């Protein structure tokens, strides 16, 4: 897919509050509107620098979106951009999920659900979907209604987990995923979210003979394989990923165990 490594200015056309700490910003961008599930963009916020963002699906042709949670300085700055504000975008970058399956288990934690929403739109018509959604509390549950709407012509079962037990299963998205795995057979599993959660899901899927793919999130300064900040073992998440297969992840010395800080130091999860 054509992409530009020079940021293009985009006007934010709408801002929607998803939860008390999460917002979705929508804008026009033909290339990002066609992004594959798992691909990302580098987003420049004037005065605050760049950050990598998964590309959220939009209901309007030619539009794309970013769903952001307030966390660090750059994400707080992006969260604070209002309708009519200007951001810079470049991309899309990276590979994508292989969506050729008729029964898919999708497991997402927090804003890790963003590429999974796009994945729903790429699954074959009639595909059976199990969706495990993890969040901290009931008021932070993301995209449940959106997932049902996107899967309108598909069979979907949703299980919710919250860290504090205020909604659904008490625990992580993996705890919700076990309910789905124990009640039905899936041809493939797809996951995005906190890395320890994804590592646990890859293990659960492997134990049941279900091939898994994970979209890995790491610190990225460039997005094009120059800075090396997103290294995982001998791979670069921005260029070799973001999506990796379960066989590689099961053998990885880093996945689910350690990540690289902005200084390049290994930091245990």
C-alpha atoms as a PDB file:
ATOM      1  CA  UNK A   1       0.000   0.000   0.000  1.00  0.00           C
ATOM      2  CA  UNK A   2       1.409   3.450  -0.879  1.00  0.00           C
ATOM      3  CA  UNK A   3       2.587   5.453   2.091  1.00  0.00           C
ATOM      4  CA  UNK A   4       4.457   8.637   2.809  1.00  0.00           C
ATOM      5  CA  UNK A   5       7.307   9.050   5.263  1.00  0.00           C
ATOM      6  CA  UNK A   6       6.613  12.797   5.366  1.00  0.00           C
ATOM      7  CA  UNK A   7       3.814  13.808   7.781  1.00  0.00           C
ATOM      8  CA  UNK A   8       0.703  15.191   6.122  1.00  0.00           C
ATOM      9  CA  UNK A   9      -1.447  17.713   7.963  1.00  0.00           C
ATOM     10  CA  UNK A  10      -4.948  16.505   8.750  1.00  0.00           C
ATOM     11  CA  UNK A  11      -7.852  18.398  10.293  1.00  0.00           C
ATOM     12  CA  UNK A  12      -9.700  16.582  13.066  1.00  0.00           C
ATOM     13  CA  UNK A  13     -13.320  16.450  11.902  1.00  0.00           C
ATOM     14  CA  UNK A  14     -14.920  14.920  14.976  1.00  0.00           C
ATOM     15  CA  UNK A  15     -14.041  13.929  18.524  1.00  0.00           C
ATOM     16  CA  UNK A  16     -16.029  11.277  20.404  1.00  0.00           C
ATOM     17  CA  UNK A  17     -15.617  10.346  24.064  1.00  0.00           C
ATOM     18  CA  UNK A  18     -15.578   6.543  24.298  1.00  0.00           C
ATOM     19  CA  UNK A  19     -14.974   6.314  28.075  1.00  0.00           C
ATOM     20  CA  UNK A  20     -13.933   8.812  30.767  1.00  0.00           C
ATOM     21  CA  UNK A  21     -10.288   8.425  29.639  1.00  0.00           C
ATOM     22  CA  UNK A  22     -10.535   7.441  25.945  1.00  0.00           C
ATOM     23  CA  UNK A  23     -11.411   9.496  22.874  1.00  0.00           C
ATOM     24  CA  UNK A  24     -11.623   8.805  19.135  1.00  0.00           C
ATOM     25  CA  UNK A  25     -10.470  11.503  16.705  1.00  0.00           C
ATOM     26  CA  UNK A  26     -11.676  11.178  13.099  1.00  0.00           C
ATOM     27  CA  UNK A  27     -10.200  12.769   9.982  1.00  0.00           C
ATOM     28  CA  UNK A  28     -10.021  12.322   6.216  1.00  0.00           C
ATOM     29  CA  UNK A  29      -7.137  10.243   4.860  1.00  0.00           C
ATOM     30  CA  UNK A  30      -7.627   7.921   1.898  1.00  0.00           C
ATOM     31  CA  UNK A  31      -4.517   5.787   2.553  1.00  0.00           C
ATOM     32  CA  UNK A  32      -5.196   5.239   6.259  1.00  0.00           C
ATOM     33  CA  UNK A  33      -8.868   4.570   5.534  1.00  0.00           C
ATOM     34  CA  UNK A  34      -7.663   1.523   3.553  1.00  0.00           C
ATOM     35  CA  UNK A  35      -5.193   0.363   6.240  1.00  0.00           C
ATOM     36  CA  UNK A  36      -5.117  -3.340   6.999  1.00  0.00           C
ATOM     37  CA  UNK A  37      -5.867  -4.573  10.551  1.00  0.00           C
ATOM     38  CA  UNK A  38      -2.645  -4.436  12.537  1.00  0.00           C
ATOM     39  CA  UNK A  39      -1.063  -1.585  10.594  1.00  0.00           C
ATOM     40  CA  UNK A  40      -0.257   1.679  12.350  1.00  0.00           C
ATOM     41  CA  UNK A  41       0.526   5.330  11.671  1.00  0.00           C
ATOM     42  CA  UNK A  42       2.964   7.768  13.210  1.00  0.00           C
ATOM     43  CA  UNK A  43       1.049  10.769  14.542  1.00  0.00           C
ATOM     44  CA  UNK A  44       2.604  14.162  15.137  1.00  0.00           C
ATOM     45  CA  UNK A  45       0.970  16.501  17.631  1.00  0.00           C
ATOM     46  CA  UNK A  46       2.325  20.063  17.289  1.00  0.00           C
ATOM     47  CA  UNK A  47       4.477  20.884  20.283  1.00  0.00           C
ATOM     48  CA  UNK A  48       4.352  17.368  21.716  1.00  0.00           C
ATOM     49  CA  UNK A  49       6.172  15.097  19.252  1.00  0.00           C
ATOM     50  CA  UNK A  50       5.193  11.868  17.499  1.00  0.00           C
ATOM     51  CA  UNK A  51       3.651   8.631  18.691  1.00  0.00           C
ATOM     52  CA  UNK A  52       2.552   5.387  16.992  1.00  0.00           C
ATOM     53  CA  UNK A  53      -1.184   4.731  16.780  1.00  0.00           C
ATOM     54  CA  UNK A  54      -3.267   1.844  15.479  1.00  0.00           C
ATOM     55  CA  UNK A  55      -5.734   2.956  12.828  1.00  0.00           C
ATOM     56  CA  UNK A  56      -9.356   2.808  13.944  1.00  0.00           C
ATOM     57  CA  UNK A  57     -12.070   1.967  11.425  1.00  0.00           C
ATOM     58  CA  UNK A  58     -14.588   4.672  10.472  1.00  0.00           C
ATOM     59  CA  UNK A  59     -18.158   4.365   9.232  1.00  0.00           C
ATOM     60  CA  UNK A  60     -17.565   7.163   6.710  1.00  0.00           C
ATOM     61  CA  UNK A  61     -15.791   6.407   3.423  1.00  0.00           C
ATOM     62  CA  UNK A  62     -12.387   8.027   3.098  1.00  0.00           C
ATOM     63  CA  UNK A  63     -12.035   8.634   6.817  1.00  0.00           C
ATOM     64  CA  UNK A  64      -9.769   7.076   9.430  1.00  0.00           C
ATOM     65  CA  UNK A  65      -9.517   7.576  13.174  1.00  0.00           C
ATOM     66  CA  UNK A  66      -7.240   7.257  16.188  1.00  0.00           C
ATOM     67  CA  UNK A  67      -8.519   6.082  19.559  1.00  0.00           C
ATOM     68  CA  UNK A  68      -6.297   7.413  22.325  1.00  0.00           C
ATOM     69  CA  UNK A  69      -6.119   6.951  26.087  1.00  0.00           C
ATOM     70  CA  UNK A  70      -4.415   9.579  28.227  1.00  0.00           C
ATOM     71  CA  UNK A  71      -1.097   8.110  29.363  1.00  0.00           C
ATOM     72  CA  UNK A  72       2.181   9.880  28.549  1.00  0.00           C
ATOM     73  CA  UNK A  73       2.823  13.460  27.372  1.00  0.00           C
ATOM     74  CA  UNK A  74       2.244  12.721  23.666  1.00  0.00           C
ATOM     75  CA  UNK A  75      -0.945  10.733  24.190  1.00  0.00           C
ATOM     76  CA  UNK A  76      -2.296  13.405  26.553  1.00  0.00           C
ATOM     77  CA  UNK A  77      -1.582  16.015  23.887  1.00  0.00           C
ATOM     78  CA  UNK A  78      -3.369  13.960  21.204  1.00  0.00           C
ATOM     79  CA  UNK A  79      -6.275  13.369  23.590  1.00  0.00           C
ATOM     80  CA  UNK A  80      -6.530  17.135  24.003  1.00  0.00           C
ATOM     81  CA  UNK A  81      -6.849  17.926  20.284  1.00  0.00           C
ATOM     82  CA  UNK A  82     -10.340  19.223  19.597  1.00  0.00           C
ATOM     83  CA  UNK A  83     -12.527  19.324  16.489  1.00  0.00           C
ATOM     84  CA  UNK A  84     -10.853  21.587  13.948  1.00  0.00           C
ATOM     85  CA  UNK A  85      -7.389  20.920  15.381  1.00  0.00           C
ATOM     86  CA  UNK A  86      -4.451  19.903  13.194  1.00  0.00           C
ATOM     87  CA  UNK A  87      -2.366  16.735  13.498  1.00  0.00           C
ATOM     88  CA  UNK A  88       0.344  15.286  11.258  1.00  0.00           C
ATOM     89  CA  UNK A  89       0.107  11.682  10.055  1.00  0.00           C
ATOM     90  CA  UNK A  90       2.353   9.342   8.093  1.00  0.00           C
ATOM     91  CA  UNK A  91       1.818   5.736   7.195  1.00  0.00           C
ATOM     92  CA  UNK A  92       0.360   3.174   7.190  1.00  0.00           C
ATOM     93  CA  UNK A  93       3.279   1.026   8.311  1.00  0.00           C
ATOM     94  CA  UNK A  94       3.786  -2.610   9.231  1.00  0.00           C
ATOM     95  CA  UNK A  95       2.157  -5.889   8.263  1.00  0.00           C
ATOM     96  CA  UNK A  96      -1.311  -7.093   9.189  1.00  0.00           C
ATOM     97  CA  UNK A  97      -3.399  -9.950  10.548  1.00  0.00           C
ATOM     98  CA  UNK A  98      -4.161 -12.837   8.207  1.00  0.00           C
ATOM     99  CA  UNK A  99      -7.952 -12.760   8.291  1.00  0.00           C
ATOM    100  CA  UNK A 100      -8.667 -15.822   6.121  1.00  0.00           C
ATOM    101  CA  UNK A 101     -10.678 -17.917   8.564  1.00  0.00           C
ATOM    102  CA  UNK A 102     -14.321 -18.783   9.133  1.00  0.00           C
ATOM    103  CA  UNK A 103     -14.084 -18.877  12.953  1.00  0.00           C
ATOM    104  CA  UNK A 104     -11.991 -16.328  14.825  1.00  0.00           C
ATOM    105  CA  UNK A 105     -11.273 -15.620  18.475  1.00  0.00           C
ATOM    106  CA  UNK A 106     -10.430 -11.941  19.014  1.00  0.00           C
ATOM    107  CA  UNK A 107      -8.889 -10.944  22.360  1.00  0.00           C
ATOM    108  CA  UNK A 108      -8.212  -7.299  23.179  1.00  0.00           C
ATOM    109  CA  UNK A 109      -7.275  -5.305  26.231  1.00  0.00           C
ATOM    110  CA  UNK A 110      -8.137  -1.595  26.413  1.00  0.00           C
ATOM    111  CA  UNK A 111      -7.230   0.325  23.262  1.00  0.00           C
ATOM    112  CA  UNK A 112      -5.691  -2.911  21.950  1.00  0.00           C
ATOM    113  CA  UNK A 113      -9.215  -3.500  20.670  1.00  0.00           C
ATOM    114  CA  UNK A 114      -8.665  -0.903  17.910  1.00  0.00           C
ATOM    115  CA  UNK A 115      -7.027  -3.198  15.305  1.00  0.00           C
ATOM    116  CA  UNK A 116      -9.496  -5.933  16.215  1.00  0.00           C
ATOM    117  CA  UNK A 117     -12.418  -3.681  15.236  1.00  0.00           C
ATOM    118  CA  UNK A 118     -10.844  -3.275  11.789  1.00  0.00           C
ATOM    119  CA  UNK A 119     -10.182  -7.021  11.691  1.00  0.00           C
ATOM    120  CA  UNK A 120     -13.904  -7.747  12.130  1.00  0.00           C
ATOM    121  CA  UNK A 121     -14.566  -5.900   8.865  1.00  0.00           C
ATOM    122  CA  UNK A 122     -11.989  -8.056   7.032  1.00  0.00           C
ATOM    123  CA  UNK A 123     -13.223 -11.463   8.202  1.00  0.00           C
ATOM    124  CA  UNK A 124     -15.227 -13.443   5.634  1.00  0.00           C
ATOM    125  CA  UNK A 125     -18.974 -12.886   5.534  1.00  0.00           C
ATOM    126  CA  UNK A 126     -20.611 -15.461   7.766  1.00  0.00           C
ATOM    127  CA  UNK A 127     -17.519 -15.951   9.917  1.00  0.00           C
ATOM    128  CA  UNK A 128     -18.175 -16.996  13.521  1.00  0.00           C
ATOM    129  CA  UNK A 129     -16.517 -14.602  15.964  1.00  0.00           C
ATOM    130  CA  UNK A 130     -15.714 -14.807  19.642  1.00  0.00           C
ATOM    131  CA  UNK A 131     -14.624 -11.483  21.165  1.00  0.00           C
ATOM    132  CA  UNK A 132     -13.023 -11.201  24.597  1.00  0.00           C
ATOM    133  CA  UNK A 133     -12.777  -7.604  25.811  1.00  0.00           C
ATOM    134  CA  UNK A 134     -10.722  -6.560  28.819  1.00  0.00           C
ATOM    135  CA  UNK A 135     -10.769  -3.256  30.707  1.00  0.00           C
ATOM    136  CA  UNK A 136      -9.981  -1.916  34.144  1.00  0.00           C
ATOM    137  CA  UNK A 137     -13.553  -1.091  35.186  1.00  0.00           C
ATOM    138  CA  UNK A 138     -17.090  -1.251  33.794  1.00  0.00           C
ATOM    139  CA  UNK A 139     -17.045   2.381  32.638  1.00  0.00           C
ATOM    140  CA  UNK A 140     -13.854   1.738  30.642  1.00  0.00           C
ATOM    141  CA  UNK A 141     -15.296  -1.059  28.458  1.00  0.00           C
ATOM    142  CA  UNK A 142     -14.639  -0.109  24.829  1.00  0.00           C
ATOM    143  CA  UNK A 143     -16.471  -0.790  21.575  1.00  0.00           C
ATOM    144  CA  UNK A 144     -18.976  -3.456  22.658  1.00  0.00           C
ATOM    145  CA  UNK A 145     -21.815  -1.904  20.667  1.00  0.00           C
ATOM    146  CA  UNK A 146     -19.457  -1.034  17.833  1.00  0.00           C
ATOM    147  CA  UNK A 147     -18.299  -4.650  17.580  1.00  0.00           C
ATOM    148  CA  UNK A 148     -21.882  -5.899  17.294  1.00  0.00           C
ATOM    149  CA  UNK A 149     -22.603  -3.364  14.565  1.00  0.00           C
ATOM    150  CA  UNK A 150     -19.465  -4.265  12.608  1.00  0.00           C
ATOM    151  CA  UNK A 151     -20.326  -7.970  12.901  1.00  0.00           C
ATOM    152  CA  UNK A 152     -23.911  -7.426  11.772  1.00  0.00           C
ATOM    153  CA  UNK A 153     -23.764 -10.204   9.159  1.00  0.00           C
ATOM    154  CA  UNK A 154     -21.662 -12.517  11.281  1.00  0.00           C
ATOM    155  CA  UNK A 155     -22.296 -14.625  14.348  1.00  0.00           C
ATOM    156  CA  UNK A 156     -20.578 -12.976  17.323  1.00  0.00           C
ATOM    157  CA  UNK A 157     -20.334 -13.821  21.009  1.00  0.00           C
ATOM    158  CA  UNK A 158     -18.833 -11.246  23.343  1.00  0.00           C
ATOM    159  CA  UNK A 159     -17.367 -11.841  26.799  1.00  0.00           C
ATOM    160  CA  UNK A 160     -16.246  -8.894  28.944  1.00  0.00           C
ATOM    161  CA  UNK A 161     -13.665  -8.944  31.724  1.00  0.00           C
ATOM    162  CA  UNK A 162     -12.793  -6.155  34.158  1.00  0.00           C
ATOM    163  CA  UNK A 163      -9.849  -5.959  36.517  1.00  0.00           C
ATOM    164  CA  UNK A 164     -12.066  -4.979  39.442  1.00  0.00           C
ATOM    165  CA  UNK A 165     -14.928  -7.376  38.617  1.00  0.00           C
ATOM    166  CA  UNK A 166     -17.425  -4.535  38.144  1.00  0.00           C
ATOM    167  CA  UNK A 167     -18.549  -6.002  34.806  1.00  0.00           C
ATOM    168  CA  UNK A 168     -18.410  -9.527  33.434  1.00  0.00           C
ATOM    169  CA  UNK A 169     -15.540 -11.795  34.465  1.00  0.00           C
ATOM    170  CA  UNK A 170     -13.206 -10.577  37.210  1.00  0.00           C
ATOM    171  CA  UNK A 171      -9.774 -10.619  35.595  1.00  0.00           C
ATOM    172  CA  UNK A 172      -8.158  -9.952  32.235  1.00  0.00           C
ATOM    173  CA  UNK A 173      -9.295 -10.476  28.663  1.00  0.00           C
ATOM    174  CA  UNK A 174      -7.590 -13.871  28.813  1.00  0.00           C
ATOM    175  CA  UNK A 175     -10.000 -14.966  31.535  1.00  0.00           C
ATOM    176  CA  UNK A 176     -12.885 -13.987  29.256  1.00  0.00           C
ATOM    177  CA  UNK A 177     -11.178 -15.747  26.342  1.00  0.00           C
ATOM    178  CA  UNK A 178     -11.046 -19.014  28.291  1.00  0.00           C
ATOM    179  CA  UNK A 179     -14.851 -19.018  28.448  1.00  0.00           C
ATOM    180  CA  UNK A 180     -14.974 -18.759  24.672  1.00  0.00           C
ATOM    181  CA  UNK A 181     -12.239 -21.345  24.115  1.00  0.00           C
ATOM    182  CA  UNK A 182     -13.928 -23.794  26.478  1.00  0.00           C
ATOM    183  CA  UNK A 183     -17.311 -23.441  24.772  1.00  0.00           C
ATOM    184  CA  UNK A 184     -16.372 -23.558  21.087  1.00  0.00           C
ATOM    185  CA  UNK A 185     -13.717 -24.345  18.544  1.00  0.00           C
ATOM    186  CA  UNK A 186     -11.886 -21.547  16.744  1.00  0.00           C
ATOM    187  CA  UNK A 187      -9.651 -21.872  13.709  1.00  0.00           C
ATOM    188  CA  UNK A 188      -7.476 -18.900  14.699  1.00  0.00           C
ATOM    189  CA  UNK A 189      -6.913 -16.449  17.551  1.00  0.00           C
ATOM    190  CA  UNK A 190      -5.972 -12.778  17.211  1.00  0.00           C
ATOM    191  CA  UNK A 191      -4.886 -10.497  20.020  1.00  0.00           C
ATOM    192  CA  UNK A 192      -3.694  -6.977  20.812  1.00  0.00           C
ATOM    193  CA  UNK A 193      -3.218  -5.246  24.143  1.00  0.00           C
ATOM    194  CA  UNK A 194      -0.846  -5.391  27.115  1.00  0.00           C
ATOM    195  CA  UNK A 195       2.010  -7.730  26.237  1.00  0.00           C
ATOM    196  CA  UNK A 196       1.802 -10.021  29.296  1.00  0.00           C
ATOM    197  CA  UNK A 197      -1.896 -10.524  28.496  1.00  0.00           C
ATOM    198  CA  UNK A 198      -1.082 -11.386  24.889  1.00  0.00           C
ATOM    199  CA  UNK A 199       1.648 -13.805  25.972  1.00  0.00           C
ATOM    200  CA  UNK A 200      -0.849 -15.591  28.209  1.00  0.00           C
ATOM    201  CA  UNK A 201      -3.384 -15.776  25.373  1.00  0.00           C
ATOM    202  CA  UNK A 202      -0.810 -17.191  22.943  1.00  0.00           C
ATOM    203  CA  UNK A 203      -0.074 -19.902  25.507  1.00  0.00           C
ATOM    204  CA  UNK A 204      -3.755 -20.681  26.074  1.00  0.00           C
ATOM    205  CA  UNK A 205      -4.370 -20.931  22.335  1.00  0.00           C
ATOM    206  CA  UNK A 206      -1.326 -23.149  21.758  1.00  0.00           C
ATOM    207  CA  UNK A 207      -2.466 -25.523  24.497  1.00  0.00           C
ATOM    208  CA  UNK A 208      -5.700 -26.006  22.568  1.00  0.00           C
ATOM    209  CA  UNK A 209      -4.057 -26.309  19.156  1.00  0.00           C
ATOM    210  CA  UNK A 210      -5.335 -22.913  17.957  1.00  0.00           C
ATOM    211  CA  UNK A 211      -2.827 -20.869  15.908  1.00  0.00           C
ATOM    212  CA  UNK A 212      -2.488 -17.331  17.228  1.00  0.00           C
ATOM    213  CA  UNK A 213      -1.376 -13.966  15.899  1.00  0.00           C
ATOM    214  CA  UNK A 214      -0.510 -10.975  18.087  1.00  0.00           C
ATOM    215  CA  UNK A 215      -0.189  -7.307  17.193  1.00  0.00           C
ATOM    216  CA  UNK A 216       2.676  -6.117  19.393  1.00  0.00           C
ATOM    217  CA  UNK A 217       2.900  -2.589  20.781  1.00  0.00           C
ATOM    218  CA  UNK A 218       6.355  -1.198  21.599  1.00  0.00           C
ATOM    219  CA  UNK A 219       8.052   2.189  21.972  1.00  0.00           C
ATOM    220  CA  UNK A 220       8.604   3.609  18.466  1.00  0.00           C
ATOM    221  CA  UNK A 221      10.517   6.769  17.608  1.00  0.00           C
ATOM    222  CA  UNK A 222      10.627   6.485  13.817  1.00  0.00           C
ATOM    223  CA  UNK A 223       8.285   3.731  12.587  1.00  0.00           C
ATOM    224  CA  UNK A 224      10.570   2.860   9.667  1.00  0.00           C
ATOM    225  CA  UNK A 225      13.303   0.667  11.159  1.00  0.00           C
ATOM    226  CA  UNK A 226      15.957   3.305  11.866  1.00  0.00           C
ATOM    227  CA  UNK A 227      15.927   3.952  15.607  1.00  0.00           C
ATOM    228  CA  UNK A 228      15.721   0.360  16.861  1.00  0.00           C
ATOM    229  CA  UNK A 229      13.570   1.369  19.845  1.00  0.00           C
ATOM    230  CA  UNK A 230      10.938  -1.253  19.071  1.00  0.00           C
ATOM    231  CA  UNK A 231      13.289  -4.241  18.968  1.00  0.00           C
ATOM    232  CA  UNK A 232      11.991  -7.612  20.151  1.00  0.00           C
ATOM    233  CA  UNK A 233      14.757 -10.216  20.095  1.00  0.00           C
ATOM    234  CA  UNK A 234      16.336  -9.668  16.652  1.00  0.00           C
ATOM    235  CA  UNK A 235      13.142  -8.252  15.110  1.00  0.00           C
ATOM    236  CA  UNK A 236      11.836  -4.705  14.750  1.00  0.00           C
ATOM    237  CA  UNK A 237       8.150  -4.418  15.553  1.00  0.00           C
ATOM    238  CA  UNK A 238       7.644  -1.494  13.156  1.00  0.00           C
ATOM    239  CA  UNK A 239       9.051  -3.328  10.112  1.00  0.00           C
ATOM    240  CA  UNK A 240       8.826  -7.054  10.909  1.00  0.00           C
ATOM    241  CA  UNK A 241       5.446  -6.631  12.637  1.00  0.00           C
ATOM    242  CA  UNK A 242       3.353  -5.382  14.237  1.00  0.00           C
ATOM    243  CA  UNK A 243       1.785  -8.805  13.775  1.00  0.00           C
ATOM    244  CA  UNK A 244       3.747 -11.930  14.720  1.00  0.00           C
ATOM    245  CA  UNK A 245       2.722 -15.565  14.690  1.00  0.00           C
ATOM    246  CA  UNK A 246       2.339 -17.683  17.780  1.00  0.00           C
ATOM    247  CA  UNK A 247       5.198 -20.072  16.941  1.00  0.00           C
ATOM    248  CA  UNK A 248       7.727 -17.241  16.856  1.00  0.00           C
ATOM    249  CA  UNK A 249       6.273 -15.574  19.947  1.00  0.00           C
ATOM    250  CA  UNK A 250       6.398 -18.828  21.933  1.00  0.00           C
ATOM    251  CA  UNK A 251      10.147 -19.032  21.293  1.00  0.00           C
ATOM    252  CA  UNK A 252      10.843 -15.335  21.908  1.00  0.00           C
ATOM    253  CA  UNK A 253      13.098 -14.382  24.815  1.00  0.00           C
ATOM    254  CA  UNK A 254      11.533 -10.906  24.979  1.00  0.00           C
ATOM    255  CA  UNK A 255       7.816 -11.276  24.224  1.00  0.00           C
ATOM    256  CA  UNK A 256       5.826 -10.928  27.438  1.00  0.00           C
ATOM    257  CA  UNK A 257       9.040 -10.668  29.451  1.00  0.00           C
ATOM    258  CA  UNK A 258      10.815  -7.376  28.682  1.00  0.00           C
ATOM    259  CA  UNK A 259      10.525  -4.264  26.535  1.00  0.00           C
ATOM    260  CA  UNK A 260      12.874  -1.401  25.635  1.00  0.00           C
ATOM    261  CA  UNK A 261      12.550   2.029  27.228  1.00  0.00           C
ATOM    262  CA  UNK A 262      13.192   5.219  25.281  1.00  0.00           C
ATOM    263  CA  UNK A 263      16.824   4.983  26.398  1.00  0.00           C
ATOM    264  CA  UNK A 264      17.091   1.467  24.951  1.00  0.00           C
ATOM    265  CA  UNK A 265      17.319  -0.259  28.323  1.00  0.00           C
ATOM    266  CA  UNK A 266      15.569  -3.606  28.763  1.00  0.00           C
ATOM    267  CA  UNK A 267      12.675  -3.252  31.227  1.00  0.00           C
ATOM    268  CA  UNK A 268      10.952  -6.367  32.653  1.00  0.00           C
ATOM    269  CA  UNK A 269       7.161  -6.396  32.480  1.00  0.00           C
END
